[in-house]
Structures are given as C-alpha cells and as structure tokens.
N, C-alpha and C. Protein backbone atom coordinates (compact mmCIF):
# COMPACT_ATOMS: atom_id res chain seq x y z
N ALA A 1 56.17 22.25 158.22
CA ALA A 1 56.74 21.21 157.38
C ALA A 1 57.62 20.27 158.20
N HIS A 2 58.38 20.81 159.16
CA HIS A 2 59.27 19.98 159.97
C HIS A 2 58.49 19.14 160.97
N ALA A 3 57.35 19.63 161.40
CA ALA A 3 56.57 18.94 162.43
C ALA A 3 55.86 17.70 161.89
N GLN A 4 55.68 17.59 160.61
CA GLN A 4 54.94 16.45 160.05
C GLN A 4 55.64 15.12 160.28
N ASN A 5 56.93 15.11 160.41
CA ASN A 5 57.67 13.86 160.57
C ASN A 5 57.85 13.45 162.03
N LEU A 6 57.37 14.22 162.95
CA LEU A 6 57.50 13.88 164.36
C LEU A 6 56.56 12.73 164.70
N PRO A 7 57.00 11.80 165.53
CA PRO A 7 56.16 10.65 165.90
C PRO A 7 54.83 11.07 166.54
N PHE A 8 54.87 12.11 167.36
CA PHE A 8 53.64 12.58 168.00
C PHE A 8 52.61 13.01 166.96
N ILE A 9 53.04 13.75 165.94
CA ILE A 9 52.13 14.23 164.89
C ILE A 9 51.61 13.06 164.07
N GLU A 10 52.47 12.12 163.72
CA GLU A 10 52.04 10.95 162.95
C GLU A 10 51.02 10.13 163.74
N ASN A 11 51.25 9.99 165.04
CA ASN A 11 50.31 9.26 165.89
C ASN A 11 48.97 9.98 165.95
N MET A 12 48.99 11.30 166.07
CA MET A 12 47.75 12.07 166.11
C MET A 12 46.99 11.97 164.79
N GLU A 13 47.70 12.01 163.67
CA GLU A 13 47.05 11.89 162.36
C GLU A 13 46.33 10.56 162.23
N LYS A 14 46.96 9.48 162.69
CA LYS A 14 46.32 8.16 162.65
C LYS A 14 45.07 8.14 163.51
N ARG A 15 45.16 8.73 164.69
CA ARG A 15 44.02 8.75 165.59
C ARG A 15 42.88 9.60 165.01
N ILE A 16 43.23 10.72 164.40
CA ILE A 16 42.21 11.58 163.78
C ILE A 16 41.54 10.86 162.62
N GLN A 17 42.32 10.18 161.79
CA GLN A 17 41.75 9.42 160.67
C GLN A 17 40.82 8.33 161.19
N SER A 18 41.24 7.63 162.24
CA SER A 18 40.42 6.57 162.82
C SER A 18 39.10 7.13 163.36
N ALA A 19 39.18 8.25 164.06
CA ALA A 19 37.97 8.89 164.59
C ALA A 19 37.07 9.37 163.46
N SER A 20 37.65 9.87 162.40
CA SER A 20 36.88 10.35 161.25
C SER A 20 36.13 9.20 160.58
N VAL A 21 36.79 8.07 160.40
CA VAL A 21 36.15 6.90 159.81
C VAL A 21 35.02 6.41 160.71
N LEU A 22 35.26 6.38 162.01
CA LEU A 22 34.24 5.95 162.97
C LEU A 22 33.04 6.89 162.93
N LEU A 23 33.29 8.19 162.89
CA LEU A 23 32.21 9.18 162.80
C LEU A 23 31.41 9.00 161.51
N ASP A 24 32.09 8.87 160.39
CA ASP A 24 31.40 8.70 159.10
C ASP A 24 30.55 7.44 159.09
N THR A 25 31.07 6.35 159.64
CA THR A 25 30.33 5.09 159.67
C THR A 25 29.09 5.22 160.54
N GLY A 26 29.26 5.73 161.75
CA GLY A 26 28.13 5.88 162.66
C GLY A 26 27.08 6.84 162.12
N LEU A 27 27.53 7.94 161.55
CA LEU A 27 26.61 8.93 160.99
C LEU A 27 25.86 8.33 159.80
N GLY A 28 26.56 7.55 159.00
CA GLY A 28 25.91 6.89 157.85
C GLY A 28 24.81 5.95 158.30
N HIS A 29 25.08 5.14 159.33
CA HIS A 29 24.06 4.22 159.85
C HIS A 29 22.87 4.99 160.42
N CYS A 30 23.15 6.05 161.15
CA CYS A 30 22.08 6.87 161.72
C CYS A 30 21.23 7.51 160.62
N PHE A 31 21.89 8.01 159.59
CA PHE A 31 21.19 8.64 158.47
C PHE A 31 20.30 7.63 157.74
N ILE A 32 20.81 6.43 157.51
CA ILE A 32 20.02 5.38 156.85
C ILE A 32 18.82 5.02 157.71
N ASP A 33 19.01 4.89 159.03
CA ASP A 33 17.89 4.61 159.93
C ASP A 33 16.84 5.72 159.86
N GLY A 34 17.29 6.97 159.84
CA GLY A 34 16.36 8.10 159.73
C GLY A 34 15.59 8.06 158.42
N LEU A 35 16.27 7.70 157.34
CA LEU A 35 15.60 7.60 156.03
C LEU A 35 14.58 6.46 156.04
N ASN A 36 14.99 5.30 156.54
CA ASN A 36 14.10 4.14 156.53
C ASN A 36 12.89 4.31 157.43
N ASN A 37 13.05 5.08 158.51
CA ASN A 37 11.95 5.28 159.45
C ASN A 37 11.24 6.61 159.26
N SER A 38 11.63 7.38 158.25
CA SER A 38 11.05 8.70 157.99
C SER A 38 11.02 9.56 159.25
N ASP A 39 12.12 9.59 159.96
CA ASP A 39 12.24 10.33 161.21
C ASP A 39 12.86 11.70 160.93
N ALA A 40 12.03 12.72 160.90
CA ALA A 40 12.48 14.07 160.55
C ALA A 40 13.54 14.60 161.51
N SER A 41 13.38 14.32 162.79
CA SER A 41 14.34 14.81 163.79
C SER A 41 15.72 14.19 163.57
N VAL A 42 15.76 12.88 163.35
CA VAL A 42 17.03 12.19 163.09
C VAL A 42 17.65 12.71 161.81
N LEU A 43 16.85 12.85 160.76
CA LEU A 43 17.37 13.35 159.48
C LEU A 43 17.94 14.75 159.63
N TYR A 44 17.23 15.61 160.33
CA TYR A 44 17.68 16.98 160.54
C TYR A 44 19.03 17.00 161.27
N ASN A 45 19.12 16.23 162.34
CA ASN A 45 20.37 16.21 163.11
C ASN A 45 21.52 15.59 162.32
N CYS A 46 21.23 14.55 161.55
CA CYS A 46 22.28 13.96 160.71
C CYS A 46 22.76 14.96 159.66
N LEU A 47 21.83 15.67 159.04
CA LEU A 47 22.21 16.66 158.03
C LEU A 47 23.04 17.78 158.66
N ARG A 48 22.69 18.18 159.87
CA ARG A 48 23.49 19.19 160.56
C ARG A 48 24.91 18.68 160.78
N ALA A 49 25.03 17.41 161.17
CA ALA A 49 26.36 16.83 161.39
C ALA A 49 27.15 16.73 160.09
N TYR A 50 26.49 16.30 159.02
CA TYR A 50 27.16 16.25 157.72
C TYR A 50 27.62 17.64 157.29
N ALA A 51 26.77 18.64 157.48
CA ALA A 51 27.13 20.00 157.10
C ALA A 51 28.29 20.51 157.96
N ALA A 52 28.26 20.21 159.25
CA ALA A 52 29.32 20.67 160.15
C ALA A 52 30.67 20.04 159.83
N THR A 53 30.65 18.81 159.32
CA THR A 53 31.90 18.13 158.97
C THR A 53 32.25 18.30 157.50
N ASP A 54 31.50 19.17 156.81
CA ASP A 54 31.73 19.45 155.39
C ASP A 54 31.74 18.17 154.56
N ASN A 55 30.71 17.35 154.79
CA ASN A 55 30.64 16.05 154.12
C ASN A 55 29.27 15.85 153.47
N SER A 56 28.75 16.87 152.83
CA SER A 56 27.42 16.77 152.22
C SER A 56 27.39 15.73 151.11
N LYS A 57 28.49 15.54 150.40
CA LYS A 57 28.53 14.57 149.30
C LYS A 57 28.26 13.15 149.80
N ASN A 58 28.74 12.83 151.00
CA ASN A 58 28.51 11.50 151.55
C ASN A 58 27.02 11.28 151.84
N ALA A 59 26.36 12.28 152.40
CA ALA A 59 24.92 12.17 152.66
C ALA A 59 24.14 12.01 151.36
N GLU A 60 24.50 12.79 150.35
CA GLU A 60 23.82 12.70 149.06
C GLU A 60 24.04 11.34 148.41
N GLU A 61 25.22 10.79 148.55
CA GLU A 61 25.52 9.47 147.98
C GLU A 61 24.78 8.36 148.72
N ILE A 62 24.72 8.44 150.04
CA ILE A 62 23.98 7.45 150.82
C ILE A 62 22.51 7.48 150.44
N PHE A 63 21.93 8.66 150.32
CA PHE A 63 20.53 8.78 149.92
C PHE A 63 20.32 8.20 148.53
N ARG A 64 21.23 8.51 147.61
CA ARG A 64 21.12 8.01 146.23
C ARG A 64 21.17 6.49 146.19
N THR A 65 22.15 5.89 146.87
CA THR A 65 22.32 4.44 146.78
C THR A 65 21.32 3.66 147.62
N THR A 66 20.88 4.22 148.74
CA THR A 66 20.00 3.49 149.65
C THR A 66 18.53 3.61 149.29
N ILE A 67 18.08 4.79 148.96
CA ILE A 67 16.66 5.04 148.72
C ILE A 67 16.36 5.22 147.23
N VAL A 68 17.08 6.10 146.57
CA VAL A 68 16.74 6.50 145.21
C VAL A 68 17.03 5.40 144.19
N ALA A 69 18.24 4.86 144.18
CA ALA A 69 18.64 3.90 143.14
C ALA A 69 17.73 2.68 143.05
N PRO A 70 17.39 2.02 144.16
CA PRO A 70 16.52 0.84 144.02
C PRO A 70 15.14 1.18 143.42
N LEU A 71 14.57 2.30 143.82
CA LEU A 71 13.24 2.65 143.32
C LEU A 71 13.30 3.15 141.87
N ILE A 72 14.31 3.91 141.52
CA ILE A 72 14.44 4.37 140.13
C ILE A 72 14.69 3.18 139.22
N HIS A 73 15.51 2.24 139.66
CA HIS A 73 15.76 1.05 138.85
C HIS A 73 14.47 0.25 138.66
N LYS A 74 13.66 0.18 139.71
CA LYS A 74 12.38 -0.53 139.61
C LYS A 74 11.46 0.15 138.60
N ILE A 75 11.47 1.48 138.58
CA ILE A 75 10.60 2.23 137.66
C ILE A 75 11.13 2.17 136.24
N VAL A 76 12.39 2.50 136.04
CA VAL A 76 12.95 2.59 134.69
C VAL A 76 13.25 1.21 134.11
N GLY A 77 13.58 0.26 134.96
CA GLY A 77 13.97 -1.05 134.48
C GLY A 77 12.85 -2.04 134.31
N HIS A 78 11.61 -1.62 134.49
CA HIS A 78 10.49 -2.55 134.40
C HIS A 78 10.17 -2.93 132.96
N GLU A 79 9.54 -4.09 132.79
CA GLU A 79 9.05 -4.52 131.48
C GLU A 79 7.74 -3.78 131.21
N THR A 80 7.64 -3.18 130.04
CA THR A 80 6.42 -2.47 129.69
C THR A 80 5.62 -3.26 128.68
N SER A 81 4.39 -2.86 128.47
CA SER A 81 3.56 -3.51 127.46
C SER A 81 4.15 -3.27 126.08
N ALA A 82 4.85 -2.15 125.89
CA ALA A 82 5.49 -1.88 124.61
C ALA A 82 6.58 -2.91 124.34
N ASP A 83 7.31 -3.31 125.40
CA ASP A 83 8.34 -4.33 125.24
C ASP A 83 7.71 -5.64 124.81
N ALA A 84 6.60 -5.99 125.44
CA ALA A 84 5.93 -7.24 125.13
C ALA A 84 5.36 -7.23 123.72
N ALA A 85 4.94 -6.07 123.25
CA ALA A 85 4.35 -5.97 121.91
C ALA A 85 5.43 -5.88 120.83
N GLY A 86 6.69 -5.80 121.24
CA GLY A 86 7.77 -5.75 120.28
C GLY A 86 8.09 -4.35 119.79
N THR A 87 7.44 -3.34 120.35
CA THR A 87 7.76 -1.96 119.98
C THR A 87 8.84 -1.46 120.92
N SER A 88 9.23 -0.24 120.72
CA SER A 88 10.30 0.31 121.53
C SER A 88 9.86 0.49 122.98
N GLY A 89 10.72 0.11 123.89
CA GLY A 89 10.45 0.29 125.31
C GLY A 89 11.22 1.45 125.88
N ASP A 90 11.69 2.35 125.02
CA ASP A 90 12.52 3.46 125.46
C ASP A 90 11.74 4.74 125.73
N GLU A 91 10.42 4.68 125.74
CA GLU A 91 9.64 5.88 126.01
C GLU A 91 9.71 6.22 127.49
N LEU A 92 9.79 7.51 127.79
CA LEU A 92 10.07 7.95 129.15
C LEU A 92 8.90 8.61 129.87
N GLU A 93 7.85 8.96 129.16
CA GLU A 93 6.77 9.75 129.76
C GLU A 93 6.17 9.06 130.99
N ASN A 94 5.84 7.79 130.88
CA ASN A 94 5.25 7.07 132.01
C ASN A 94 6.26 6.92 133.15
N ASP A 95 7.52 6.68 132.80
CA ASP A 95 8.56 6.59 133.83
C ASP A 95 8.65 7.89 134.62
N TYR A 96 8.63 9.00 133.91
CA TYR A 96 8.72 10.30 134.58
C TYR A 96 7.53 10.53 135.51
N LYS A 97 6.34 10.11 135.11
CA LYS A 97 5.16 10.25 135.98
C LYS A 97 5.37 9.46 137.26
N GLN A 98 5.86 8.23 137.14
CA GLN A 98 6.10 7.40 138.32
C GLN A 98 7.21 7.99 139.19
N ILE A 99 8.24 8.53 138.56
CA ILE A 99 9.34 9.13 139.32
C ILE A 99 8.85 10.36 140.09
N LYS A 100 8.00 11.18 139.47
CA LYS A 100 7.43 12.34 140.18
C LYS A 100 6.63 11.88 141.39
N HIS A 101 5.87 10.80 141.22
CA HIS A 101 5.09 10.26 142.33
C HIS A 101 6.04 9.77 143.44
N PHE A 102 7.10 9.08 143.06
CA PHE A 102 8.10 8.61 144.02
C PHE A 102 8.72 9.77 144.78
N ILE A 103 9.08 10.84 144.08
CA ILE A 103 9.70 12.00 144.72
C ILE A 103 8.73 12.62 145.72
N ALA A 104 7.48 12.79 145.31
CA ALA A 104 6.47 13.39 146.19
C ALA A 104 6.21 12.52 147.42
N LYS A 105 6.25 11.21 147.23
CA LYS A 105 5.91 10.29 148.31
C LYS A 105 7.11 9.98 149.22
N ASP A 106 8.24 9.64 148.62
CA ASP A 106 9.36 9.11 149.40
C ASP A 106 10.52 10.08 149.63
N CYS A 107 10.56 11.18 148.92
CA CYS A 107 11.70 12.10 149.05
C CYS A 107 11.31 13.45 149.63
N LYS A 108 10.02 13.71 149.72
CA LYS A 108 9.55 15.04 150.09
C LYS A 108 10.10 15.52 151.43
N MET A 109 10.07 14.65 152.43
CA MET A 109 10.50 15.06 153.76
C MET A 109 11.97 15.49 153.76
N LEU A 110 12.84 14.68 153.16
CA LEU A 110 14.26 15.01 153.15
C LEU A 110 14.52 16.28 152.34
N LEU A 111 13.82 16.42 151.21
CA LEU A 111 13.99 17.63 150.39
C LEU A 111 13.56 18.87 151.17
N GLU A 112 12.45 18.78 151.89
CA GLU A 112 11.97 19.92 152.67
C GLU A 112 12.93 20.26 153.80
N ILE A 113 13.45 19.24 154.48
CA ILE A 113 14.40 19.48 155.57
C ILE A 113 15.65 20.16 155.03
N SER A 114 16.14 19.68 153.90
CA SER A 114 17.40 20.23 153.37
C SER A 114 17.21 21.62 152.77
N LEU A 115 15.97 22.01 152.49
CA LEU A 115 15.71 23.34 151.94
C LEU A 115 15.43 24.39 153.01
N THR A 116 15.41 23.98 154.29
CA THR A 116 15.21 24.96 155.35
C THR A 116 16.44 25.86 155.44
N ASP A 117 16.24 27.05 155.91
CA ASP A 117 17.32 28.03 156.00
C ASP A 117 18.10 27.90 157.31
N LYS A 118 17.93 26.80 157.99
CA LYS A 118 18.56 26.65 159.30
C LYS A 118 19.96 26.03 159.21
N LEU A 119 20.86 26.58 159.95
CA LEU A 119 22.16 25.99 160.26
C LEU A 119 22.92 25.37 159.09
N GLY A 120 22.96 26.02 157.98
CA GLY A 120 23.84 25.60 156.90
C GLY A 120 23.39 24.41 156.09
N LEU A 121 22.12 24.06 156.12
CA LEU A 121 21.66 22.91 155.35
C LEU A 121 21.55 23.23 153.86
N HIS A 122 21.84 24.47 153.48
CA HIS A 122 21.81 24.86 152.07
C HIS A 122 22.91 24.17 151.26
N VAL A 123 23.86 23.52 151.92
CA VAL A 123 24.96 22.86 151.20
C VAL A 123 24.50 21.58 150.50
N PHE A 124 23.31 21.11 150.83
CA PHE A 124 22.80 19.87 150.23
C PHE A 124 21.97 20.17 149.00
N ASN A 125 22.11 19.32 148.00
CA ASN A 125 21.27 19.39 146.82
C ASN A 125 20.89 17.97 146.44
N PHE A 126 19.98 17.39 147.22
CA PHE A 126 19.57 16.01 147.00
C PHE A 126 18.86 15.83 145.67
N LEU A 127 18.13 16.85 145.23
CA LEU A 127 17.42 16.73 143.96
C LEU A 127 18.40 16.53 142.81
N ALA A 128 19.42 17.36 142.72
CA ALA A 128 20.38 17.25 141.61
C ALA A 128 21.38 16.13 141.81
N ASN A 129 21.96 16.05 143.01
CA ASN A 129 23.08 15.13 143.22
C ASN A 129 22.68 13.71 143.58
N SER A 130 21.43 13.49 143.91
CA SER A 130 20.97 12.14 144.24
C SER A 130 19.90 11.67 143.26
N ILE A 131 18.80 12.42 143.18
CA ILE A 131 17.66 11.97 142.39
C ILE A 131 17.92 12.10 140.89
N LEU A 132 18.19 13.31 140.42
CA LEU A 132 18.36 13.50 138.97
C LEU A 132 19.59 12.76 138.45
N GLN A 133 20.63 12.68 139.25
CA GLN A 133 21.82 11.92 138.85
C GLN A 133 21.46 10.46 138.63
N GLU A 134 20.67 9.89 139.51
CA GLU A 134 20.29 8.48 139.39
C GLU A 134 19.31 8.27 138.25
N VAL A 135 18.40 9.21 138.02
CA VAL A 135 17.46 9.10 136.89
C VAL A 135 18.25 9.08 135.58
N LEU A 136 19.17 9.99 135.42
CA LEU A 136 19.98 10.04 134.20
C LEU A 136 20.78 8.76 134.02
N SER A 137 21.41 8.31 135.08
CA SER A 137 22.21 7.10 135.02
C SER A 137 21.36 5.89 134.63
N ALA A 138 20.17 5.76 135.21
CA ALA A 138 19.29 4.63 134.91
C ALA A 138 18.81 4.68 133.46
N ILE A 139 18.45 5.86 132.98
CA ILE A 139 17.99 5.98 131.58
C ILE A 139 19.12 5.61 130.63
N GLN A 140 20.32 6.10 130.89
CA GLN A 140 21.45 5.78 130.02
C GLN A 140 21.78 4.30 130.05
N ARG A 141 21.62 3.67 131.20
CA ARG A 141 21.97 2.26 131.36
C ARG A 141 20.88 1.34 130.82
N VAL A 142 19.63 1.62 131.14
CA VAL A 142 18.53 0.70 130.83
C VAL A 142 17.85 1.03 129.51
N LYS A 143 17.78 2.30 129.16
CA LYS A 143 17.09 2.72 127.94
C LYS A 143 18.02 3.58 127.08
N PRO A 144 19.09 3.00 126.58
CA PRO A 144 20.07 3.81 125.84
C PRO A 144 19.51 4.40 124.54
N GLY A 145 18.44 3.85 124.01
CA GLY A 145 17.86 4.37 122.78
C GLY A 145 16.86 5.48 122.99
N ALA A 146 16.66 5.90 124.23
CA ALA A 146 15.64 6.91 124.53
C ALA A 146 15.91 8.23 123.81
N TYR A 147 17.16 8.55 123.60
CA TYR A 147 17.50 9.80 122.91
C TYR A 147 18.26 9.54 121.62
N SER A 148 17.95 8.43 120.99
CA SER A 148 18.62 8.07 119.74
C SER A 148 18.14 8.94 118.59
N PRO A 149 19.05 9.59 117.87
CA PRO A 149 18.66 10.40 116.72
C PRO A 149 18.16 9.54 115.55
N GLU A 150 18.35 8.24 115.64
CA GLU A 150 17.87 7.33 114.59
C GLU A 150 16.36 7.18 114.61
N ARG A 151 15.74 7.57 115.72
CA ARG A 151 14.27 7.49 115.84
C ARG A 151 13.77 8.88 116.23
N PRO A 152 13.64 9.78 115.25
CA PRO A 152 13.34 11.19 115.55
C PRO A 152 12.00 11.39 116.27
N ALA A 153 10.98 10.63 115.93
CA ALA A 153 9.67 10.82 116.58
C ALA A 153 9.77 10.47 118.07
N GLU A 154 10.42 9.36 118.37
CA GLU A 154 10.57 8.95 119.76
C GLU A 154 11.51 9.91 120.50
N PHE A 155 12.55 10.35 119.83
CA PHE A 155 13.47 11.33 120.42
C PHE A 155 12.71 12.58 120.83
N LEU A 156 11.90 13.11 119.94
CA LEU A 156 11.15 14.33 120.22
C LEU A 156 10.17 14.12 121.38
N LYS A 157 9.49 12.97 121.38
CA LYS A 157 8.55 12.67 122.46
C LYS A 157 9.28 12.61 123.81
N ASN A 158 10.42 11.93 123.84
CA ASN A 158 11.19 11.83 125.08
C ASN A 158 11.79 13.17 125.50
N TYR A 159 12.21 13.95 124.52
CA TYR A 159 12.75 15.28 124.80
C TYR A 159 11.68 16.15 125.46
N LYS A 160 10.47 16.15 124.89
CA LYS A 160 9.38 16.95 125.47
C LYS A 160 8.99 16.43 126.85
N ALA A 161 8.96 15.10 127.01
CA ALA A 161 8.64 14.52 128.31
C ALA A 161 9.71 14.91 129.35
N SER A 162 10.97 14.95 128.92
CA SER A 162 12.05 15.34 129.83
C SER A 162 11.94 16.79 130.24
N LEU A 163 11.62 17.66 129.30
CA LEU A 163 11.43 19.08 129.63
C LEU A 163 10.27 19.25 130.61
N ASP A 164 9.19 18.52 130.38
CA ASP A 164 8.03 18.59 131.28
C ASP A 164 8.42 18.06 132.67
N PHE A 165 9.19 17.00 132.70
CA PHE A 165 9.63 16.42 133.97
C PHE A 165 10.47 17.41 134.77
N LEU A 166 11.34 18.13 134.08
CA LEU A 166 12.24 19.06 134.75
C LEU A 166 11.58 20.40 135.09
N ALA A 167 10.43 20.68 134.49
CA ALA A 167 9.75 21.97 134.71
C ALA A 167 9.11 22.04 136.09
C-alpha cells in the first residue's frame, strides 16, 4: 500500500499501461489481418497471445465487429420479397439458412482453431460471444416483430426455426 505512491512505481505503472495498449493494438491488427487473409498460422498465434494475456474478450469482440457484424447485418437487414409484397418481413427461417452457410464458409477455420485442445485456447467461445450475440442483436434491431406474441403463427414459425438453427 505504501509503495503505490512512490514515483518509481507510478512511472512503471504508466510504462506498463503504455506497453499494454501497444500490445493490444498490434495484436488486434495482426488478428484482423489473419482473419481477412484466412491465415491459420497467424490466427493460431494471435489466439495464443490473447489467451496468454487473458484477453479473450477482445479477440471475440474484434471477430464480432470485423467479420460477423457486417455479414449478419447484410443477411438479416436485407429487403425480402415478403417486404415488397407488403407481408411481414420478420420471418427468420431463410435468414438462419444463410447464417449457417456463412458460419460454415467464413467462420469454420477460426472455430476449429479455437476448439483445439492446445495451449489454453479453450478460453474462447466465438460461437456464443461473437456469432450468436450478433445474430440476436441484429434480429432484435432489424426484425423486432419476429417474436411478437401479437402474431402467434409467425411467432411459432420463428420459434421452431430458431430451435432448428440452434440444434
């Protein structure tokens, strides 16, 4: 407690914070490059660094905002033929099919790397903390009537589609 007020300790804390910010920034850029180039080696090493610095949430957030959010918004936020016909555009079944395709195509490598039993990568949960979080957020934002109790038939259809999506 007495050592915290010493100038040497305060100077070291500033230097450590500066180094931490520099590390986070550089690691974030490297991780984004690995994602954009689908480079498994870079992704693996970045995930190891995130795990070693106990910063898995930052990696999950970068993945969510950089890769997942733009594609989920494109899928969930699109104009459908139902919208053009004047019927409800809150149906989710087709969106879920496209999202499954997106996950299989664009997320598979990162999910497989993070599921390996090597060097503490078990701390990541990109499926829940990046993908499903963004899917839920987009549905709530773009299709707020998808689970409206005022439309029981559509509610039931979306509920069943959601269960199928999560299965």
